[in-house]
PDB file of N, CA and C in Angstrom:
ATOM      1  N   MET A   1       0.827  -1.190   0.000  1.00  0.00           N
ATOM      2  CA  MET A   1       0.000   0.000   0.000  1.00  0.00           C
ATOM      3  C   MET A   1       0.872   1.256   0.000  1.00  0.00           C
ATOM      4  N   PHE A   2       1.734   1.394   0.987  1.00  0.00           N
ATOM      5  CA  PHE A   2       2.655   2.527   1.047  1.00  0.00           C
ATOM      6  C   PHE A   2       3.996   2.079   0.489  1.00  0.00           C
ATOM      7  N   ASP A   3       4.794   3.033   0.019  1.00  0.00           N
ATOM      8  CA  ASP A   3       6.093   2.682  -0.536  1.00  0.00           C
ATOM      9  C   ASP A   3       7.044   3.855  -0.392  1.00  0.00           C
ATOM     10  N   GLY A   4       8.221   3.684  -0.900  1.00  0.00           N
ATOM     11  CA  GLY A   4       9.232   4.736  -0.839  1.00  0.00           C
ATOM     12  C   GLY A   4      10.531   4.191  -0.274  1.00  0.00           C
ATOM     13  N   ASN A   5      11.601   4.908  -0.523  1.00  0.00           N
ATOM     14  CA  ASN A   5      12.930   4.450  -0.111  1.00  0.00           C
ATOM     15  C   ASN A   5      13.080   4.298   1.394  1.00  0.00           C
ATOM     16  N   THR A   6      12.422   5.135   2.168  1.00  0.00           N
ATOM     17  CA  THR A   6      12.594   5.099   3.622  1.00  0.00           C
ATOM     18  C   THR A   6      11.447   4.395   4.340  1.00  0.00           C
ATOM     19  N   TYR A   7      10.481   3.871   3.596  1.00  0.00           N
ATOM     20  CA  TYR A   7       9.324   3.203   4.202  1.00  0.00           C
ATOM     21  C   TYR A   7       9.727   1.874   4.815  1.00  0.00           C
ATOM     22  N   GLU A   8       9.372   1.693   6.076  1.00  0.00           N
ATOM     23  CA  GLU A   8       9.579   0.427   6.786  1.00  0.00           C
ATOM     24  C   GLU A   8       8.231   0.000   7.351  1.00  0.00           C
ATOM     25  N   LYS A   9       7.670  -1.057   6.779  1.00  0.00           N
ATOM     26  CA  LYS A   9       6.310  -1.468   7.128  1.00  0.00           C
ATOM     27  C   LYS A   9       6.105  -1.596   8.634  1.00  0.00           C
ATOM     28  N   GLU A  10       7.023  -2.261   9.324  1.00  0.00           N
ATOM     29  CA  GLU A  10       6.840  -2.502  10.760  1.00  0.00           C
ATOM     30  C   GLU A  10       6.831  -1.210  11.579  1.00  0.00           C
ATOM     31  N   ASN A  11       7.473  -0.176  11.089  1.00  0.00           N
ATOM     32  CA  ASN A  11       7.535   1.095  11.814  1.00  0.00           C
ATOM     33  C   ASN A  11       6.535   2.135  11.318  1.00  0.00           C
ATOM     34  N   ASP A  12       6.145   2.049  10.058  1.00  0.00           N
ATOM     35  CA  ASP A  12       5.400   3.140   9.434  1.00  0.00           C
ATOM     36  C   ASP A  12       3.950   2.833   9.069  1.00  0.00           C
ATOM     37  N   TYR A  13       3.614   1.573   8.824  1.00  0.00           N
ATOM     38  CA  TYR A  13       2.312   1.230   8.244  1.00  0.00           C
ATOM     39  C   TYR A  13       1.130   1.763   9.057  1.00  0.00           C
ATOM     40  N   LYS A  14       1.071   1.444  10.340  1.00  0.00           N
ATOM     41  CA  LYS A  14      -0.079   1.853  11.158  1.00  0.00           C
ATOM     42  C   LYS A  14      -0.204   3.371  11.228  1.00  0.00           C
ATOM     43  N   ARG A  15       0.915   4.051  11.389  1.00  0.00           N
ATOM     44  CA  ARG A  15       0.906   5.515  11.476  1.00  0.00           C
ATOM     45  C   ARG A  15       0.406   6.134  10.173  1.00  0.00           C
ATOM     46  N   LEU A  16       0.932   5.670   9.056  1.00  0.00           N
ATOM     47  CA  LEU A  16       0.539   6.229   7.764  1.00  0.00           C
ATOM     48  C   LEU A  16      -0.916   5.915   7.429  1.00  0.00           C
ATOM     49  N   LEU A  17      -1.352   4.702   7.749  1.00  0.00           N
ATOM     50  CA  LEU A  17      -2.743   4.337   7.486  1.00  0.00           C
ATOM     51  C   LEU A  17      -3.687   5.184   8.335  1.00  0.00           C
ATOM     52  N   SER A  18      -3.322   5.412   9.581  1.00  0.00           N
ATOM     53  CA  SER A  18      -4.125   6.256  10.465  1.00  0.00           C
ATOM     54  C   SER A  18      -4.210   7.683   9.925  1.00  0.00           C
ATOM     55  N   GLN A  19      -3.087   8.218   9.464  1.00  0.00           N
ATOM     56  CA  GLN A  19      -3.074   9.560   8.871  1.00  0.00           C
ATOM     57  C   GLN A  19      -3.981   9.615   7.648  1.00  0.00           C
ATOM     58  N   LEU A  20      -3.812   8.655   6.764  1.00  0.00           N
ATOM     59  CA  LEU A  20      -4.592   8.619   5.526  1.00  0.00           C
ATOM     60  C   LEU A  20      -6.085   8.569   5.829  1.00  0.00           C
ATOM     61  N   ASP A  21      -6.476   7.685   6.739  1.00  0.00           N
ATOM     62  CA  ASP A  21      -7.890   7.540   7.085  1.00  0.00           C
ATOM     63  C   ASP A  21      -8.460   8.819   7.684  1.00  0.00           C
ATOM     64  N   GLU A  22      -7.715   9.444   8.601  1.00  0.00           N
ATOM     65  CA  GLU A  22      -8.216  10.654   9.255  1.00  0.00           C
ATOM     66  C   GLU A  22      -8.345  11.813   8.265  1.00  0.00           C
ATOM     67  N   ILE A  23      -7.358  11.974   7.407  1.00  0.00           N
ATOM     68  CA  ILE A  23      -7.410  13.053   6.415  1.00  0.00           C
ATOM     69  C   ILE A  23      -8.552  12.824   5.431  1.00  0.00           C
ATOM     70  N   ARG A  24      -8.725  11.584   4.987  1.00  0.00           N
ATOM     71  CA  ARG A  24      -9.827  11.271   4.068  1.00  0.00           C
ATOM     72  C   ARG A  24     -11.174  11.556   4.736  1.00  0.00           C
ATOM     73  N   GLU A  25     -11.347  11.148   5.982  1.00  0.00           N
ATOM     74  CA  GLU A  25     -12.612  11.369   6.689  1.00  0.00           C
ATOM     75  C   GLU A  25     -12.935  12.855   6.840  1.00  0.00           C
ATOM     76  N   ILE A  26     -11.927  13.660   7.091  1.00  0.00           N
ATOM     77  CA  ILE A  26     -12.139  15.108   7.209  1.00  0.00           C
ATOM     78  C   ILE A  26     -12.473  15.718   5.854  1.00  0.00           C
ATOM     79  N   MET A  27     -11.741  15.314   4.831  1.00  0.00           N
ATOM     80  CA  MET A  27     -11.841  15.963   3.522  1.00  0.00           C
ATOM     81  C   MET A  27     -12.994  15.460   2.656  1.00  0.00           C
ATOM     82  N   ILE A  28     -13.594  14.337   3.005  1.00  0.00           N
ATOM     83  CA  ILE A  28     -14.614  13.740   2.143  1.00  0.00           C
ATOM     84  C   ILE A  28     -15.862  14.612   2.017  1.00  0.00           C
ATOM     85  N   ASP A  29     -15.985  15.624   2.880  1.00  0.00           N
ATOM     86  CA  ASP A  29     -17.145  16.521   2.806  1.00  0.00           C
ATOM     87  C   ASP A  29     -17.070  17.492   1.632  1.00  0.00           C
ATOM     88  N   GLY A  30     -15.937  17.496   0.916  1.00  0.00           N
ATOM     89  CA  GLY A  30     -15.806  18.343  -0.269  1.00  0.00           C
ATOM     90  C   GLY A  30     -15.436  19.786   0.018  1.00  0.00           C
ATOM     91  N   GLU A  31     -15.220  20.125   1.287  1.00  0.00           N
ATOM     92  CA  GLU A  31     -14.822  21.493   1.642  1.00  0.00           C
ATOM     93  C   GLU A  31     -13.361  21.738   1.265  1.00  0.00           C
ATOM     94  N   TRP A  32     -13.032  22.993   1.016  1.00  0.00           N
ATOM     95  CA  TRP A  32     -11.660  23.393   0.710  1.00  0.00           C
ATOM     96  C   TRP A  32     -10.936  23.701   2.013  1.00  0.00           C
ATOM     97  N   ARG A  33      -9.713  23.170   2.165  1.00  0.00           N
ATOM     98  CA  ARG A  33      -8.910  23.411   3.363  1.00  0.00           C
ATOM     99  C   ARG A  33      -7.442  23.558   2.987  1.00  0.00           C
ATOM    100  N   THR A  34      -6.752  24.423   3.725  1.00  0.00           N
ATOM    101  CA  THR A  34      -5.306  24.569   3.549  1.00  0.00           C
ATOM    102  C   THR A  34      -4.597  23.497   4.368  1.00  0.00           C
ATOM    103  N   LEU A  35      -3.309  23.322   4.084  1.00  0.00           N
ATOM    104  CA  LEU A  35      -2.523  22.375   4.871  1.00  0.00           C
ATOM    105  C   LEU A  35      -2.489  22.781   6.339  1.00  0.00           C
ATOM    106  N   SER A  36      -2.401  24.083   6.609  1.00  0.00           N
ATOM    107  CA  SER A  36      -2.358  24.521   8.008  1.00  0.00           C
ATOM    108  C   SER A  36      -3.693  24.263   8.710  1.00  0.00           C
ATOM    109  N   GLN A  37      -4.805  24.401   8.000  1.00  0.00           N
ATOM    110  CA  GLN A  37      -6.100  24.069   8.602  1.00  0.00           C
ATOM    111  C   GLN A  37      -6.177  22.583   8.925  1.00  0.00           C
ATOM    112  N   LEU A  38      -5.665  21.758   8.026  1.00  0.00           N
ATOM    113  CA  LEU A  38      -5.650  20.318   8.279  1.00  0.00           C
ATOM    114  C   LEU A  38      -4.701  19.972   9.426  1.00  0.00           C
ATOM    115  N   ARG A  39      -3.590  20.683   9.525  1.00  0.00           N
ATOM    116  CA  ARG A  39      -2.663  20.471  10.642  1.00  0.00           C
ATOM    117  C   ARG A  39      -3.355  20.780  11.971  1.00  0.00           C
ATOM    118  N   GLU A  40      -4.118  21.875  12.003  1.00  0.00           N
ATOM    119  CA  GLU A  40      -4.845  22.241  13.225  1.00  0.00           C
ATOM    120  C   GLU A  40      -5.878  21.181  13.603  1.00  0.00           C
ATOM    121  N   LEU A  41      -6.528  20.596  12.614  1.00  0.00           N
ATOM    122  CA  LEU A  41      -7.556  19.586  12.870  1.00  0.00           C
ATOM    123  C   LEU A  41      -6.978  18.234  13.272  1.00  0.00           C
ATOM    124  N   THR A  42      -5.806  17.900  12.734  1.00  0.00           N
ATOM    125  CA  THR A  42      -5.265  16.550  12.929  1.00  0.00           C
ATOM    126  C   THR A  42      -4.054  16.480  13.853  1.00  0.00           C
ATOM    127  N   GLY A  43      -3.284  17.556  13.901  1.00  0.00           N
ATOM    128  CA  GLY A  43      -2.020  17.523  14.632  1.00  0.00           C
ATOM    129  C   GLY A  43      -0.878  16.927  13.825  1.00  0.00           C
ATOM    130  N   PHE A  44      -1.135  16.540  12.580  1.00  0.00           N
ATOM    131  CA  PHE A  44      -0.101  15.960  11.721  1.00  0.00           C
ATOM    132  C   PHE A  44       0.743  17.070  11.104  1.00  0.00           C
ATOM    133  N   PRO A  45       2.016  16.793  10.812  1.00  0.00           N
ATOM    134  CA  PRO A  45       2.844  17.781  10.112  1.00  0.00           C
ATOM    135  C   PRO A  45       2.291  18.057   8.708  1.00  0.00           C
ATOM    136  N   GLU A  46       2.459  19.291   8.239  1.00  0.00           N
ATOM    137  CA  GLU A  46       1.960  19.652   6.911  1.00  0.00           C
ATOM    138  C   GLU A  46       2.583  18.795   5.814  1.00  0.00           C
ATOM    139  N   SER A  47       3.847  18.416   5.980  1.00  0.00           N
ATOM    140  CA  SER A  47       4.489  17.569   4.964  1.00  0.00           C
ATOM    141  C   SER A  47       3.808  16.203   4.883  1.00  0.00           C
ATOM    142  N   SER A  48       3.380  15.665   6.014  1.00  0.00           N
ATOM    143  CA  SER A  48       2.672  14.379   6.022  1.00  0.00           C
ATOM    144  C   SER A  48       1.290  14.517   5.394  1.00  0.00           C
ATOM    145  N   ILE A  49       0.617  15.613   5.684  1.00  0.00           N
ATOM    146  CA  ILE A  49      -0.709  15.858   5.110  1.00  0.00           C
ATOM    147  C   ILE A  49      -0.606  15.967   3.592  1.00  0.00           C
ATOM    148  N   SER A  50       0.376  16.710   3.125  1.00  0.00           N
ATOM    149  CA  SER A  50       0.590  16.865   1.690  1.00  0.00           C
ATOM    150  C   SER A  50       0.854  15.510   1.033  1.00  0.00           C
ATOM    151  N   ALA A  51       1.680  14.695   1.671  1.00  0.00           N
ATOM    152  CA  ALA A  51       1.984  13.361   1.138  1.00  0.00           C
ATOM    153  C   ALA A  51       0.730  12.490   1.095  1.00  0.00           C
ATOM    154  N   GLN A  52      -0.106  12.581   2.122  1.00  0.00           N
ATOM    155  CA  GLN A  52      -1.322  11.763   2.147  1.00  0.00           C
ATOM    156  C   GLN A  52      -2.338  12.236   1.110  1.00  0.00           C
ATOM    157  N   LEU A  53      -2.404  13.531   0.865  1.00  0.00           N
ATOM    158  CA  LEU A  53      -3.270  14.016  -0.211  1.00  0.00           C
ATOM    159  C   LEU A  53      -2.797  13.464  -1.556  1.00  0.00           C
ATOM    160  N   ARG A  54      -1.486  13.421  -1.763  1.00  0.00           N
ATOM    161  CA  ARG A  54      -0.953  12.814  -2.999  1.00  0.00           C
ATOM    162  C   ARG A  54      -1.299  11.329  -3.047  1.00  0.00           C
ATOM    163  N   ASN A  55      -1.187  10.648  -1.899  1.00  0.00           N
ATOM    164  CA  ASN A  55      -1.510   9.220  -1.859  1.00  0.00           C
ATOM    165  C   ASN A  55      -2.960   8.958  -2.243  1.00  0.00           C
ATOM    166  N   LEU A  56      -3.865   9.838  -1.848  1.00  0.00           N
ATOM    167  CA  LEU A  56      -5.280   9.634  -2.159  1.00  0.00           C
ATOM    168  C   LEU A  56      -5.547   9.622  -3.660  1.00  0.00           C
ATOM    169  N   ARG A  57      -4.666  10.197  -4.450  1.00  0.00           N
ATOM    170  CA  ARG A  57      -4.819  10.177  -5.914  1.00  0.00           C
ATOM    171  C   ARG A  57      -4.524   8.793  -6.496  1.00  0.00           C
ATOM    172  N   LYS A  58      -3.716   8.020  -5.807  1.00  0.00           N
ATOM    173  CA  LYS A  58      -3.271   6.726  -6.330  1.00  0.00           C
ATOM    174  C   LYS A  58      -4.428   5.735  -6.398  1.00  0.00           C
ATOM    175  N   GLN A  59      -4.411   4.896  -7.437  1.00  0.00           N
ATOM    176  CA  GLN A  59      -5.461   3.906  -7.617  1.00  0.00           C
ATOM    177  C   GLN A  59      -5.574   2.999  -6.393  1.00  0.00           C
ATOM    178  N   LYS A  60      -4.445   2.569  -5.853  1.00  0.00           N
ATOM    179  CA  LYS A  60      -4.481   1.652  -4.711  1.00  0.00           C
ATOM    180  C   LYS A  60      -4.968   2.323  -3.426  1.00  0.00           C
ATOM    181  N   MET A  61      -5.091   3.642  -3.432  1.00  0.00           N
ATOM    182  CA  MET A  61      -5.585   4.383  -2.264  1.00  0.00           C
ATOM    183  C   MET A  61      -6.987   4.936  -2.492  1.00  0.00           C
ATOM    184  N   GLY A  62      -7.577   4.618  -3.646  1.00  0.00           N
ATOM    185  CA  GLY A  62      -8.958   5.014  -3.888  1.00  0.00           C
ATOM    186  C   GLY A  62      -9.212   5.882  -5.094  1.00  0.00           C
ATOM    187  N   SER A  63      -8.175   6.367  -5.746  1.00  0.00           N
ATOM    188  CA  SER A  63      -8.320   7.192  -6.958  1.00  0.00           C
ATOM    189  C   SER A  63      -9.174   8.438  -6.745  1.00  0.00           C
ATOM    190  N   TYR A  64      -8.987   9.089  -5.616  1.00  0.00           N
ATOM    191  CA  TYR A  64      -9.712  10.328  -5.352  1.00  0.00           C
ATOM    192  C   TYR A  64      -9.162  11.435  -6.246  1.00  0.00           C
ATOM    193  N   THR A  65     -10.030  12.362  -6.616  1.00  0.00           N
ATOM    194  CA  THR A  65      -9.587  13.577  -7.280  1.00  0.00           C
ATOM    195  C   THR A  65      -9.189  14.554  -6.190  1.00  0.00           C
ATOM    196  N   VAL A  66      -7.982  15.086  -6.273  1.00  0.00           N
ATOM    197  CA  VAL A  66      -7.516  16.083  -5.309  1.00  0.00           C
ATOM    198  C   VAL A  66      -7.362  17.396  -6.065  1.00  0.00           C
ATOM    199  N   ASN A  67      -8.244  18.327  -5.776  1.00  0.00           N
ATOM    200  CA  ASN A  67      -8.206  19.644  -6.408  1.00  0.00           C
ATOM    201  C   ASN A  67      -7.388  20.599  -5.556  1.00  0.00           C
ATOM    202  N   ARG A  68      -6.776  21.560  -6.221  1.00  0.00           N
ATOM    203  CA  ARG A  68      -5.962  22.560  -5.532  1.00  0.00           C
ATOM    204  C   ARG A  68      -6.282  23.923  -6.122  1.00  0.00           C
ATOM    205  N   LYS A  69      -6.405  24.934  -5.260  1.00  0.00           N
ATOM    206  CA  LYS A  69      -6.608  26.298  -5.756  1.00  0.00           C
ATOM    207  C   LYS A  69      -5.798  27.271  -4.909  1.00  0.00           C
ATOM    208  N   VAL A  70      -5.431  28.364  -5.538  1.00  0.00           N
ATOM    209  CA  VAL A  70      -4.647  29.410  -4.882  1.00  0.00           C
ATOM    210  C   VAL A  70      -5.531  30.148  -3.884  1.00  0.00           C
ATOM    211  N   VAL A  71      -4.959  30.453  -2.728  1.00  0.00           N
ATOM    212  CA  VAL A  71      -5.630  31.284  -1.726  1.00  0.00           C
ATOM    213  C   VAL A  71      -4.893  32.618  -1.691  1.00  0.00           C
ATOM    214  N   GLY A  72      -5.608  33.701  -1.992  1.00  0.00           N
ATOM    215  CA  GLY A  72      -4.981  35.024  -1.979  1.00  0.00           C
ATOM    216  C   GLY A  72      -4.027  35.212  -3.148  1.00  0.00           C
ATOM    217  N   ASP A  73      -2.944  35.926  -2.903  1.00  0.00           N
ATOM    218  CA  ASP A  73      -1.941  36.241  -3.919  1.00  0.00           C
ATOM    219  C   ASP A  73      -1.110  35.002  -4.230  1.00  0.00           C
ATOM    220  N   ARG A  74      -1.081  34.626  -5.498  1.00  0.00           N
ATOM    221  CA  ARG A  74      -0.343  33.422  -5.902  1.00  0.00           C
ATOM    222  C   ARG A  74       1.128  33.492  -5.497  1.00  0.00           C
ATOM    223  N   LYS A  75       1.684  34.688  -5.421  1.00  0.00           N
ATOM    224  CA  LYS A  75       3.092  34.848  -5.054  1.00  0.00           C
ATOM    225  C   LYS A  75       3.384  34.323  -3.650  1.00  0.00           C
ATOM    226  N   ASN A  76       2.353  34.241  -2.809  1.00  0.00           N
ATOM    227  CA  ASN A  76       2.546  33.741  -1.446  1.00  0.00           C
ATOM    228  C   ASN A  76       2.614  32.218  -1.377  1.00  0.00           C
ATOM    229  N   GLY A  77       2.173  31.540  -2.429  1.00  0.00           N
ATOM    230  CA  GLY A  77       2.268  30.085  -2.488  1.00  0.00           C
ATOM    231  C   GLY A  77       1.335  29.344  -1.547  1.00  0.00           C
ATOM    232  N   LEU A  78       0.208  29.961  -1.184  1.00  0.00           N
ATOM    233  CA  LEU A  78      -0.749  29.304  -0.295  1.00  0.00           C
ATOM    234  C   LEU A  78      -1.867  28.689  -1.129  1.00  0.00           C
ATOM    235  N   TYR A  79      -2.132  27.421  -0.880  1.00  0.00           N
ATOM    236  CA  TYR A  79      -3.156  26.692  -1.616  1.00  0.00           C
ATOM    237  C   TYR A  79      -4.137  26.049  -0.653  1.00  0.00           C
ATOM    238  N   SER A  80      -5.339  25.827  -1.145  1.00  0.00           N
ATOM    239  CA  SER A  80      -6.294  25.008  -0.408  1.00  0.00           C
ATOM    240  C   SER A  80      -6.607  23.789  -1.273  1.00  0.00           C
ATOM    241  N   TYR A  81      -7.073  22.750  -0.611  1.00  0.00           N
ATOM    242  CA  TYR A  81      -7.276  21.456  -1.256  1.00  0.00           C
ATOM    243  C   TYR A  81      -8.683  20.950  -0.992  1.00  0.00           C
ATOM    244  N   GLN A  82      -9.153  20.150  -1.933  1.00  0.00           N
ATOM    245  CA  GLN A  82     -10.471  19.533  -1.852  1.00  0.00           C
ATOM    246  C   GLN A  82     -10.339  18.136  -2.437  1.00  0.00           C
ATOM    247  N   ILE A  83     -11.001  17.157  -1.838  1.00  0.00           N
ATOM    248  CA  ILE A  83     -11.022  15.842  -2.474  1.00  0.00           C
ATOM    249  C   ILE A  83     -12.439  15.517  -2.917  1.00  0.00           C
ATOM    250  N   ILE A  84     -12.507  14.800  -4.030  1.00  0.00           N
ATOM    251  CA  ILE A  84     -13.770  14.354  -4.607  1.00  0.00           C
ATOM    252  C   ILE A  84     -13.718  12.836  -4.682  1.00  0.00           C
ATOM    253  N   LYS A  85     -14.750  12.216  -4.162  1.00  0.00           N
ATOM    254  CA  LYS A  85     -14.861  10.763  -4.203  1.00  0.00           C
ATOM    255  C   LYS A  85     -14.870  10.292  -5.657  1.00  0.00           C
ATOM    256  N   PRO A  86     -14.198   9.184  -5.952  1.00  0.00           N
ATOM    257  CA  PRO A  86     -14.214   8.692  -7.331  1.00  0.00           C
ATOM    258  C   PRO A  86     -15.617   8.234  -7.732  1.00  0.00           C
ATOM    259  N   THR A  87     -15.928   8.424  -8.985  1.00  0.00           N
ATOM    260  CA  THR A  87     -17.215   7.988  -9.510  1.00  0.00           C
ATOM    261  C   THR A  87     -17.100   6.538  -9.936  1.00  0.00           C
ATOM    262  N   THR A  88     -18.037   5.739  -9.485  1.00  0.00           N
ATOM    263  CA  THR A  88     -18.066   4.330  -9.861  1.00  0.00           C
ATOM    264  C   THR A  88     -19.304   4.093 -10.712  1.00  0.00           C
ATOM    265  N   ILE A  89     -19.127   3.382 -11.803  1.00  0.00           N
ATOM    266  CA  ILE A  89     -20.252   3.061 -12.679  1.00  0.00           C
ATOM    267  C   ILE A  89     -20.445   1.551 -12.673  1.00  0.00           C
ATOM    268  N   LYS A  90     -21.660   1.130 -12.384  1.00  0.00           N
ATOM    269  CA  LYS A  90     -22.013  -0.288 -12.405  1.00  0.00           C
ATOM    270  C   LYS A  90     -22.802  -0.543 -13.685  1.00  0.00           C
ATOM    271  N   PHE A  91     -22.375  -1.551 -14.437  1.00  0.00           N
ATOM    272  CA  PHE A  91     -23.059  -1.866 -15.688  1.00  0.00           C
ATOM    273  C   PHE A  91     -24.009  -3.040 -15.484  1.00  0.00           C
ATOM    274  N   THR A  92     -25.218  -2.900 -16.013  1.00  0.00           N
ATOM    275  CA  THR A  92     -26.216  -3.962 -15.924  1.00  0.00           C
ATOM    276  C   THR A  92     -26.028  -4.914 -17.100  1.00  0.00           C
ATOM    277  N   GLU A  93     -26.801  -5.991 -17.094  1.00  0.00           N
ATOM    278  CA  GLU A  93     -26.680  -7.000 -18.152  1.00  0.00           C
ATOM    279  C   GLU A  93     -26.973  -6.438 -19.541  1.00  0.00           C
ATOM    280  N   ASN A  94     -27.849  -5.441 -19.624  1.00  0.00           N
ATOM    281  CA  ASN A  94     -28.184  -4.879 -20.936  1.00  0.00           C
ATOM    282  C   ASN A  94     -27.185  -3.812 -21.383  1.00  0.00           C
ATOM    283  N   GLY A  95     -26.111  -3.621 -20.596  1.00  0.00           N
ATOM    284  CA  GLY A  95     -25.066  -2.685 -20.982  1.00  0.00           C
ATOM    285  C   GLY A  95     -25.268  -1.263 -20.508  1.00  0.00           C
ATOM    286  N   GLN A  96     -26.378  -1.019 -19.827  1.00  0.00           N
ATOM    287  CA  GLN A  96     -26.636   0.317 -19.295  1.00  0.00           C
ATOM    288  C   GLN A  96     -25.794   0.537 -18.039  1.00  0.00           C
ATOM    289  N   GLY A  97     -25.287   1.740 -17.894  1.00  0.00           N
ATOM    290  CA  GLY A  97     -24.486   2.065 -16.719  1.00  0.00           C
ATOM    291  C   GLY A  97     -25.256   2.939 -15.750  1.00  0.00           C
ATOM    292  N   GLU A  98     -24.955   2.764 -14.464  1.00  0.00           N
ATOM    293  CA  GLU A  98     -25.542   3.630 -13.446  1.00  0.00           C
ATOM    294  C   GLU A  98     -24.458   3.991 -12.440  1.00  0.00           C
ATOM    295  N   PHE A  99     -24.528   5.224 -11.940  1.00  0.00           N
ATOM    296  CA  PHE A  99     -23.564   5.671 -10.947  1.00  0.00           C
ATOM    297  C   PHE A  99     -23.875   5.028  -9.609  1.00  0.00           C
ATOM    298  N   VAL A 100     -22.833   4.567  -8.939  1.00  0.00           N
ATOM    299  CA  VAL A 100     -22.983   3.931  -7.627  1.00  0.00           C
ATOM    300  C   VAL A 100     -22.418   4.847  -6.581  1.00  0.00           C
TER     301      VAL A 100
END
């Protein structure tokens, strides 16, 4: 599930999974939040939050859409983020699709 040069499953898996789950649960409401707002809500470092938002884009993590928009003056480099649940289509026997 998780990977990277410094990833050690026995030391990192539970912590990273907990971070991912908590960030997803907060963000699934579709609201826009900055990394600092997420840090205040979770207590996680902003670098970890940013990494978990990237992870949510991965197919093995759910293929969420992670949107980003500038907050204020772009020169300040402040962004807010939003996640969108992936759309799933179920096909019936007659070939018709429906959103699930």
